[in-house]
Amino acid sequence: MDTMSGSVPAPTHTASEFLAYETDCRNALKPLLTGLIDAAEAAGWNRRTVASTLMFLAAQHVSTSAENSRAG
């Protein structure tokens, strides 16, 4: 199952409309995330472990991005 083949819709609000923009992002990514978690569970992973790992990877990505922007 290719969980990443779905497209991500564009936001309907501007970034300056923070709460609505963030809601747009959540609504856009939720089905993709659900598909990824479902696929990992089907492969034998525990849903809680998958969710925890995704949170870790997201935080790591943000930290790495911040470090790269300070270095550049």
Foldseek 3Di string as FASTA:
>chain_A
DPLPPDDFDDQPDDVVVPVSRVVSNCVRCVSSVVSVLVVVVVVPDDSVVVVVVVVVVVVVVVVVVVVVVVVD
